[in-house]
C-alpha atoms as a PDB file:
ATOM      1  CA  MET A   1      10.296   1.133  13.542  1.00  0.00           C
ATOM      2  CA  SER A   2       9.576   4.111  11.327  1.00  0.00           C
ATOM      3  CA  GLU A   3       6.070   5.268  10.452  1.00  0.00           C
ATOM      4  CA  ILE A   4       6.735   4.383   6.800  1.00  0.00           C
ATOM      5  CA  SER A   5       7.735   0.835   7.748  1.00  0.00           C
ATOM      6  CA  SER A   6       4.460   0.631   9.664  1.00  0.00           C
ATOM      7  CA  ILE A   7       2.545   1.683   6.535  1.00  0.00           C
ATOM      8  CA  PHE A   8       4.392  -0.918   4.475  1.00  0.00           C
ATOM      9  CA  PHE A   9       3.668  -3.649   7.021  1.00  0.00           C
ATOM     10  CA  SER A  10      -0.007  -2.657   7.103  1.00  0.00           C
ATOM     11  CA  ILE A  11      -0.302  -2.847   3.318  1.00  0.00           C
ATOM     12  CA  ILE A  12       1.442  -6.199   3.101  1.00  0.00           C
ATOM     13  CA  ALA A  13      -0.559  -7.567   6.039  1.00  0.00           C
ATOM     14  CA  HIS A  14      -3.793  -6.566   4.294  1.00  0.00           C
ATOM     15  CA  PHE A  15      -2.959  -7.970   0.863  1.00  0.00           C
ATOM     16  CA  GLN A  16      -0.520 -10.762   1.721  1.00  0.00           C
ATOM     17  CA  SER A  17      -1.668 -11.955   5.157  1.00  0.00           C
ATOM     18  CA  ARG A  18       0.306 -15.172   4.845  1.00  0.00           C
ATOM     19  CA  PHE A  19       3.672 -13.390   4.948  1.00  0.00           C
ATOM     20  CA  SER A  20       5.655 -11.725   7.653  1.00  0.00           C
ATOM     21  CA  VAL A  21       7.876  -9.012   6.208  1.00  0.00           C
ATOM     22  CA  SER A  22      11.022  -7.368   7.483  1.00  0.00           C
ATOM     23  CA  THR A  23      13.268  -4.690   6.082  1.00  0.00           C
ATOM     24  CA  THR A  24      17.052  -4.628   5.939  1.00  0.00           C
ATOM     25  CA  HIS A  25      19.592  -2.353   4.305  1.00  0.00           C
ATOM     26  CA  ARG A  26      21.396  -4.909   2.122  1.00  0.00           C
ATOM     27  CA  SER A  27      21.592  -4.805  -1.652  1.00  0.00           C
ATOM     28  CA  LEU A  28      18.711  -6.282  -3.651  1.00  0.00           C
ATOM     29  CA  PHE A  29      19.233  -9.839  -4.749  1.00  0.00           C
ATOM     30  CA  ALA A  30      17.282 -13.095  -4.767  1.00  0.00           C
ATOM     31  CA  LYS A  31      16.856 -14.391  -1.236  1.00  0.00           C
ATOM     32  CA  THR A  32      15.635 -17.725   0.042  1.00  0.00           C
ATOM     33  CA  CYS A  33      13.570 -18.860   2.950  1.00  0.00           C
ATOM     34  CA  ARG A  34      12.649 -22.256   4.353  1.00  0.00           C
ATOM     35  CA  PRO A  35       8.898 -22.839   4.800  1.00  0.00           C
ATOM     36  CA  VAL A  36       7.745 -25.570   7.121  1.00  0.00           C
ATOM     37  CA  VAL A  37       4.145 -25.936   5.944  1.00  0.00           C
ATOM     38  CA  LYS A  38       3.075 -28.809   3.750  1.00  0.00           C
ATOM     39  CA  HIS A  39       0.441 -26.940   1.702  1.00  0.00           C
ATOM     40  CA  TYR A  40       0.692 -23.228   1.072  1.00  0.00           C
ATOM     41  CA  ASN A  41      -1.606 -21.056  -1.033  1.00  0.00           C
ATOM     42  CA  GLY A  42      -2.873 -24.052  -2.994  1.00  0.00           C
ATOM     43  CA  ARG A  43       0.640 -25.273  -3.823  1.00  0.00           C
ATOM     44  CA  SER A  44       2.212 -28.358  -2.301  1.00  0.00           C
ATOM     45  CA  ILE A  45       5.502 -27.684  -0.520  1.00  0.00           C
ATOM     46  CA  ASN A  46       7.751 -30.416   0.754  1.00  0.00           C
ATOM     47  CA  LYS A  47       8.924 -30.108   4.338  1.00  0.00           C
ATOM     48  CA  GLY A  48      12.111 -28.048   4.349  1.00  0.00           C
ATOM     49  CA  GLU A  49      11.825 -26.982   0.684  1.00  0.00           C
ATOM     50  CA  ILE A  50      13.575 -23.684  -0.037  1.00  0.00           C
ATOM     51  CA  MET A  51      11.596 -21.015  -1.881  1.00  0.00           C
ATOM     52  CA  SER A  52      13.420 -18.177  -3.622  1.00  0.00           C
ATOM     53  CA  TYR A  53      12.189 -14.618  -4.044  1.00  0.00           C
ATOM     54  CA  GLU A  54      13.414 -12.010  -6.449  1.00  0.00           C
ATOM     55  CA  TYR A  55      13.210  -8.336  -5.547  1.00  0.00           C
ATOM     56  CA  ARG A  56      12.985  -6.457  -8.836  1.00  0.00           C
ATOM     57  CA  HIS A  57      13.132  -2.678  -9.146  1.00  0.00           C
ATOM     58  CA  VAL A  58      10.404  -2.003 -11.716  1.00  0.00           C
ATOM     59  CA  GLY A  59      10.361   1.781 -11.871  1.00  0.00           C
ATOM     60  CA  HIS A  60       9.221   4.870 -10.030  1.00  0.00           C
ATOM     61  CA  VAL A  61       5.852   6.384  -9.170  1.00  0.00           C
ATOM     62  CA  TYR A  62       5.840  10.111  -9.918  1.00  0.00           C
ATOM     63  CA  VAL A  63       3.887  12.182  -7.424  1.00  0.00           C
ATOM     64  CA  ASP A  64       2.563  15.736  -7.728  1.00  0.00           C
ATOM     65  CA  SER A  65      -0.090  15.618  -4.982  1.00  0.00           C
ATOM     66  CA  GLY A  66       1.999  14.255  -2.116  1.00  0.00           C
ATOM     67  CA  GLN A  67       0.095  10.959  -2.072  1.00  0.00           C
ATOM     68  CA  ILE A  68       0.067   7.495  -3.634  1.00  0.00           C
ATOM     69  CA  ALA A  69      -2.977   5.263  -4.150  1.00  0.00           C
ATOM     70  CA  ILE A  70      -3.237   1.506  -4.632  1.00  0.00           C
ATOM     71  CA  GLY A  71      -6.452   0.181  -6.137  1.00  0.00           C
ATOM     72  CA  ASP A  72      -8.233  -1.265  -9.125  1.00  0.00           C
ATOM     73  CA  PRO A  73      -8.401   1.421 -11.857  1.00  0.00           C
ATOM     74  CA  CYS A  74     -11.877   0.291 -12.937  1.00  0.00           C
ATOM     75  CA  TYR A  75     -13.224   1.605  -9.627  1.00  0.00           C
ATOM     76  CA  THR A  76     -11.276   4.849  -9.565  1.00  0.00           C
ATOM     77  CA  LEU A  77     -10.988   5.827 -13.225  1.00  0.00           C
ATOM     78  CA  GLY A  78     -13.972   4.055 -14.765  1.00  0.00           C
ATOM     79  CA  HIS A  79     -16.663   6.257 -13.290  1.00  0.00           C
ATOM     80  CA  PRO A  80     -16.760   9.722 -14.893  1.00  0.00           C
ATOM     81  CA  GLU A  81     -19.765  10.571 -12.727  1.00  0.00           C
ATOM     82  CA  ASP A  82     -17.349  10.609  -9.746  1.00  0.00           C
ATOM     83  CA  ILE A  83     -14.561  12.656 -11.335  1.00  0.00           C
ATOM     84  CA  GLY A  84     -16.341  16.016 -11.519  1.00  0.00           C
ATOM     85  CA  ASP A  85     -13.917  18.861 -12.202  1.00  0.00           C
ATOM     86  CA  GLY A  86     -11.099  16.920 -10.491  1.00  0.00           C
ATOM     87  CA  ASP A  87     -10.139  19.671  -8.054  1.00  0.00           C
ATOM     88  CA  LEU A  88      -9.777  19.370  -4.290  1.00  0.00           C
ATOM     89  CA  LYS A  89     -12.418  21.569  -2.697  1.00  0.00           C
ATOM     90  CA  LEU A  90     -11.095  22.769   0.663  1.00  0.00           C
ATOM     91  CA  VAL A  91     -13.397  25.191   2.453  1.00  0.00           C
ATOM     92  CA  ARG A  92     -11.849  28.624   3.082  1.00  0.00           C
ATOM     93  CA  ASN A  93     -12.718  31.004   5.905  1.00  0.00           C
ATOM     94  CA  ASP A  94     -13.312  34.766   5.561  1.00  0.00           C
ATOM     95  CA  LYS A  95      -9.597  35.484   5.994  1.00  0.00           C
ATOM     96  CA  GLY A  96      -8.561  33.107   3.188  1.00  0.00           C
ATOM     97  CA  GLY A  97      -7.345  30.318   5.485  1.00  0.00           C
ATOM     98  CA  TRP A  98      -8.622  26.768   5.611  1.00  0.00           C
ATOM     99  CA  VAL A  99     -11.657  25.818   7.671  1.00  0.00           C
ATOM    100  CA  GLU A 100     -11.118  22.948  10.100  1.00  0.00           C
ATOM    101  CA  ASP A 101     -13.673  20.779  11.855  1.00  0.00           C
ATOM    102  CA  GLU A 102     -13.786  20.089  15.620  1.00  0.00           C
ATOM    103  CA  ASN A 103     -10.973  17.495  15.214  1.00  0.00           C
ATOM    104  CA  GLY A 104      -8.669  19.905  13.392  1.00  0.00           C
ATOM    105  CA  ASP A 105      -9.184  18.172  10.027  1.00  0.00           C
ATOM    106  CA  SER A 106      -9.575  20.161   6.819  1.00  0.00           C
ATOM    107  CA  VAL A 107     -13.163  20.540   5.661  1.00  0.00           C
ATOM    108  CA  ILE A 108     -13.760  19.417   2.076  1.00  0.00           C
ATOM    109  CA  GLU A 109     -16.824  20.656   0.212  1.00  0.00           C
ATOM    110  CA  ILE A 110     -18.767  18.963  -2.540  1.00  0.00           C
ATOM    111  CA  ASP A 111     -17.943  19.401  -6.208  1.00  0.00           C
ATOM    112  CA  LYS A 112     -20.834  21.486  -7.540  1.00  0.00           C
ATOM    113  CA  THR A 113     -20.440  19.981 -11.032  1.00  0.00           C
ATOM    114  CA  ILE A 114     -21.556  16.547  -9.743  1.00  0.00           C
ATOM    115  CA  GLY A 115     -23.303  17.415  -6.438  1.00  0.00           C
ATOM    116  CA  LYS A 116     -21.014  15.281  -4.217  1.00  0.00           C
ATOM    117  CA  LEU A 117     -17.355  14.832  -3.257  1.00  0.00           C
ATOM    118  CA  ASN A 118     -15.363  14.115  -6.389  1.00  0.00           C
ATOM    119  CA  ALA A 119     -12.990  11.150  -6.561  1.00  0.00           C
ATOM    120  CA  TYR A 120      -9.861  13.232  -5.990  1.00  0.00           C
ATOM    121  CA  SER A 121     -11.366  14.848  -2.896  1.00  0.00           C
ATOM    122  CA  LYS A 122     -12.240  11.393  -1.498  1.00  0.00           C
ATOM    123  CA  PHE A 123      -8.610  10.299  -1.895  1.00  0.00           C
ATOM    124  CA  CYS A 124      -7.333  13.535  -0.322  1.00  0.00           C
ATOM    125  CA  ALA A 125      -9.728  13.109   2.615  1.00  0.00           C
ATOM    126  CA  GLN A 126      -7.784  10.008   3.664  1.00  0.00           C
ATOM    127  CA  THR A 127      -4.480  11.878   3.890  1.00  0.00           C
ATOM    128  CA  LEU A 128      -5.834  15.177   5.269  1.00  0.00           C
ATOM    129  CA  SER A 129      -7.972  13.898   8.144  1.00  0.00           C
ATOM    130  CA  GLY A 130      -7.774  11.571  11.102  1.00  0.00           C
ATOM    131  CA  ASP A 131      -4.794  10.448  13.161  1.00  0.00           C
ATOM    132  CA  ASN A 132      -2.932   8.815  10.263  1.00  0.00           C
ATOM    133  CA  PRO A 133      -2.085  10.225   6.821  1.00  0.00           C
ATOM    134  CA  TRP A 134      -3.416   7.091   5.089  1.00  0.00           C
ATOM    135  CA  GLY A 135      -6.599   5.057   4.816  1.00  0.00           C
ATOM    136  CA  MET A 136      -9.062   3.108   2.715  1.00  0.00           C
ATOM    137  CA  VAL A 137     -11.063   5.144   0.191  1.00  0.00           C
ATOM    138  CA  ASP A 138     -14.810   4.384  -0.069  1.00  0.00           C
ATOM    139  CA  SER A 139     -14.545   1.310   2.173  1.00  0.00           C
ATOM    140  CA  GLY A 140     -12.131  -0.532  -0.093  1.00  0.00           C
ATOM    141  CA  THR A 141     -12.103   1.172  -3.485  1.00  0.00           C
ATOM    142  CA  ALA A 142      -8.425   1.957  -2.922  1.00  0.00           C
ATOM    143  CA  PHE A 143      -5.778   2.486  -0.278  1.00  0.00           C
ATOM    144  CA  ASN A 144      -4.314   5.995  -0.187  1.00  0.00           C
ATOM    145  CA  THR A 145      -1.272   7.272   1.710  1.00  0.00           C
ATOM    146  CA  SER A 146       0.642  10.492   1.867  1.00  0.00           C
ATOM    147  CA  THR A 147       4.315  10.332   0.937  1.00  0.00           C
ATOM    148  CA  THR A 148       7.048  11.182   3.418  1.00  0.00           C
ATOM    149  CA  HIS A 149       8.555  14.043   1.426  1.00  0.00           C
ATOM    150  CA  GLY A 150       5.603  15.260  -0.646  1.00  0.00           C
ATOM    151  CA  ASP A 151       6.033  15.476  -4.409  1.00  0.00           C
ATOM    152  CA  GLY A 152       8.757  13.536  -6.169  1.00  0.00           C
ATOM    153  CA  SER A 153       9.719  10.146  -7.544  1.00  0.00           C
ATOM    154  CA  TYR A 154       9.228   7.015  -5.424  1.00  0.00           C
ATOM    155  CA  LYS A 155      10.949   3.683  -6.141  1.00  0.00           C
ATOM    156  CA  VAL A 156       8.777   0.582  -6.679  1.00  0.00           C
ATOM    157  CA  THR A 157      10.091  -2.933  -5.992  1.00  0.00           C
ATOM    158  CA  LEU A 158       8.159  -6.050  -7.007  1.00  0.00           C
ATOM    159  CA  VAL A 159       8.513  -9.299  -5.032  1.00  0.00           C
ATOM    160  CA  LEU A 160       8.407 -12.379  -7.301  1.00  0.00           C
ATOM    161  CA  ASP A 161       8.477 -16.031  -6.279  1.00  0.00           C
ATOM    162  CA  GLU A 162      10.522 -18.707  -8.042  1.00  0.00           C
ATOM    163  CA  ASN A 163       7.726 -19.105 -10.641  1.00  0.00           C
ATOM    164  CA  GLY A 164       7.753 -15.411 -11.523  1.00  0.00           C
ATOM    165  CA  THR A 165       4.425 -14.808  -9.753  1.00  0.00           C
ATOM    166  CA  GLN A 166       4.017 -11.417  -8.068  1.00  0.00           C
ATOM    167  CA  ARG A 167       3.854 -11.926  -4.295  1.00  0.00           C
ATOM    168  CA  GLY A 168       3.954  -8.320  -3.134  1.00  0.00           C
ATOM    169  CA  VAL A 169       5.005  -4.796  -3.930  1.00  0.00           C
ATOM    170  CA  TYR A 170       7.047  -2.310  -1.939  1.00  0.00           C
ATOM    171  CA  ILE A 171       6.942   1.452  -2.533  1.00  0.00           C
ATOM    172  CA  ASP A 172       9.787   3.341  -0.884  1.00  0.00           C
ATOM    173  CA  LEU A 173       8.061   6.405   0.579  1.00  0.00           C
ATOM    174  CA  ASP A 174      11.056   7.987   2.299  1.00  0.00           C
ATOM    175  CA  GLY A 175      13.938   7.609  -0.173  1.00  0.00           C
ATOM    176  CA  SER A 176      16.021   5.332   2.071  1.00  0.00           C
ATOM    177  CA  GLU A 177      15.672   2.436  -0.402  1.00  0.00           C
ATOM    178  CA  PRO A 178      15.666  -0.319   2.236  1.00  0.00           C
ATOM    179  CA  ASP A 179      15.781  -3.867   1.018  1.00  0.00           C
ATOM    180  CA  ILE A 180      12.921  -6.186   1.939  1.00  0.00           C
ATOM    181  CA  THR A 181      12.891  -9.846   2.853  1.00  0.00           C
ATOM    182  CA  VAL A 182       9.842 -12.129   2.780  1.00  0.00           C
ATOM    183  CA  HIS A 183       9.696 -14.853   5.407  1.00  0.00           C
ATOM    184  CA  GLU A 184       7.269 -17.742   5.072  1.00  0.00           C
ATOM    185  CA  PRO A 185       5.185 -18.384   8.174  1.00  0.00           C
ATOM    186  CA  THR A 186       6.771 -20.729  10.663  1.00  0.00           C
ATOM    187  CA  ILE A 187       4.320 -23.544  11.269  1.00  0.00           C
ATOM    188  CA  SER A 188       5.457 -26.914  12.482  1.00  0.00           C
ATOM    189  CA  TRP A 189       3.692 -30.264  12.541  1.00  0.00           C
ATOM    190  CA  ASP A 190       4.224 -33.794  13.731  1.00  0.00           C
ATOM    191  CA  ASP A 191       5.136 -36.416  11.150  1.00  0.00           C
ATOM    192  CA  ASP A 192       1.798 -38.165  11.703  1.00  0.00           C
ATOM    193  CA  ASP A 193      -0.266 -34.985  10.997  1.00  0.00           C
ATOM    194  CA  THR A 194      -2.293 -34.945   7.777  1.00  0.00           C
ATOM    195  CA  PHE A 195      -3.064 -31.917   5.636  1.00  0.00           C
ATOM    196  CA  GLU A 196      -5.576 -31.409   2.864  1.00  0.00           C
END
């Protein structure tokens, strides 16, 4: 499994923990799956009922910083006191190179206009440090990931159920445009079991 698939699975697992997700390389079209749970996400499902999902290409995310963030804009854009001058502040050494800490991560300095790391620097810190080029910003303000090929245009596919409700989103970070398939959890029960 590719690193990008791992990122996708992590995002879906975090936001849609009731799904298992797989990728295939077939064309996008409505797919079906057969759930075997009686009640699912507050909606009654008959045993063996088939649910359909539509995979709709909704556009592209344009990237000029080599990273994509997912989060509520009111937390990331609604606080001018966190924006500062909006520049990434990497610390330079005497020779003009970048300073790294003991782990080899880039050192980011505070934005002097606001006296702390600015919002952009916080997002960049997730992709410039640690073992993985992704992470949660400010303990849940947003999820930020680097893209596979840096700047560019990245395809966004929305997963809709048969009622038109958004069930997930897939952002193609490597340009391979794999198809996705949502599988309902496989849970079985005896005919005499009761569910609330």
